[in-house]
Amino acid sequence: MGGAFDPFPLLGGYYQSLLLYHFFDSGLFDLLAEPVTAEFAARRLGWRSHELALCLEFLRLTTGLVRSDRRKRFHLTLSEAQ
């Protein structure tokens, strides 16, 4: 028989899609057209900054759609192509 089923790669894709949908729907991606801190974005959206930073870091590490700089400011990589 085959190896054991590993659900973790599927879960990563599931969480990516949830975050992408909600971040687009909320207007966060509009804010990330320019580099901003998670604290700034969270304040503008009425969200908690620590959790937002964790989610943005997850997308940075798993999708490449988000980058961060030395000052911990996040921005969309899609805006670099424009």
Protein backbone atom coordinates (compact mmCIF):
# COMPACT_ATOMS: atom_id res chain seq x y z
CA MET A 1 0.00 0.00 0.00
CA GLY A 2 0.99 3.65 -0.35
CA GLY A 3 2.41 5.90 2.33
CA ALA A 4 0.39 7.58 5.01
CA PHE A 5 -1.81 10.47 3.96
CA ASP A 6 -0.30 13.85 4.88
CA PRO A 7 -3.02 16.54 5.14
CA PHE A 8 -0.70 19.43 5.95
CA PRO A 9 0.05 20.56 2.37
CA LEU A 10 -3.69 20.67 1.68
CA LEU A 11 -4.35 22.67 4.83
CA GLY A 12 -1.72 25.22 3.82
CA GLY A 13 -3.53 25.80 0.51
CA TYR A 14 -6.85 26.04 2.32
CA TYR A 15 -5.58 28.72 4.68
CA GLN A 16 -3.90 30.59 1.83
CA SER A 17 -7.16 30.76 -0.08
CA LEU A 18 -9.10 31.93 2.99
CA LEU A 19 -6.60 34.68 3.72
CA LEU A 20 -6.42 35.80 0.11
CA TYR A 21 -10.21 36.02 -0.13
CA HIS A 22 -10.65 37.95 3.12
CA PHE A 23 -7.68 40.23 2.56
CA PHE A 24 -8.97 41.16 -0.89
CA ASP A 25 -12.55 41.57 0.31
CA SER A 26 -11.55 43.75 3.28
CA GLY A 27 -9.41 46.16 1.28
CA LEU A 28 -6.15 45.09 2.94
CA PHE A 29 -4.51 44.49 -0.42
CA ASP A 30 -5.29 48.09 -1.37
CA LEU A 31 -3.37 49.20 1.72
CA LEU A 32 -0.47 46.91 0.79
CA ALA A 33 0.08 48.65 -2.53
CA GLU A 34 2.60 50.69 -0.54
CA PRO A 35 4.79 49.29 2.27
CA VAL A 36 2.95 49.50 5.60
CA THR A 37 3.37 47.88 8.99
CA ALA A 38 0.90 45.32 10.26
CA GLU A 39 0.10 47.76 13.06
CA PHE A 40 -0.85 50.51 10.61
CA ALA A 41 -3.00 48.19 8.48
CA ALA A 42 -4.67 46.66 11.53
CA ARG A 43 -5.53 50.09 12.91
CA ARG A 44 -7.08 51.14 9.60
CA LEU A 45 -9.16 47.96 9.39
CA GLY A 46 -10.01 47.57 13.07
CA TRP A 47 -8.09 44.30 13.35
CA ARG A 48 -5.55 42.95 15.83
CA SER A 49 -2.01 43.70 14.67
CA HIS A 50 -0.19 40.65 16.04
CA GLU A 51 -2.53 38.19 14.33
CA LEU A 52 -2.45 40.18 11.10
CA ALA A 53 1.37 40.15 11.13
CA LEU A 54 1.32 36.36 11.57
CA CYS A 55 -1.07 35.93 8.65
CA LEU A 56 0.95 38.24 6.42
CA GLU A 57 4.12 36.38 7.35
CA PHE A 58 2.40 33.09 6.46
CA LEU A 59 1.49 34.44 3.02
CA ARG A 60 5.00 35.81 2.57
CA LEU A 61 6.53 32.42 3.28
CA THR A 62 4.07 30.31 1.31
CA THR A 63 2.96 32.34 -1.70
CA GLY A 64 5.47 35.06 -2.52
CA LEU A 65 2.59 37.52 -2.99
CA VAL A 66 3.62 39.54 0.06
CA ARG A 67 7.07 40.85 0.92
CA SER A 68 8.44 42.56 3.99
CA ASP A 69 11.38 44.85 4.49
CA ARG A 70 13.82 45.42 7.35
CA ARG A 71 11.40 47.82 9.01
CA LYS A 72 8.74 45.08 9.11
CA ARG A 73 6.59 46.79 6.51
CA PHE A 74 4.58 44.52 4.24
CA HIS A 75 3.61 45.12 0.62
CA LEU A 76 2.17 43.19 -2.31
CA THR A 77 4.63 41.94 -4.88
CA LEU A 78 1.94 42.30 -7.56
CA SER A 79 2.23 46.08 -7.28
CA GLU A 80 5.90 45.84 -8.30
CA ALA A 81 4.93 44.71 -11.80
CA GLN A 82 2.77 47.78 -12.44
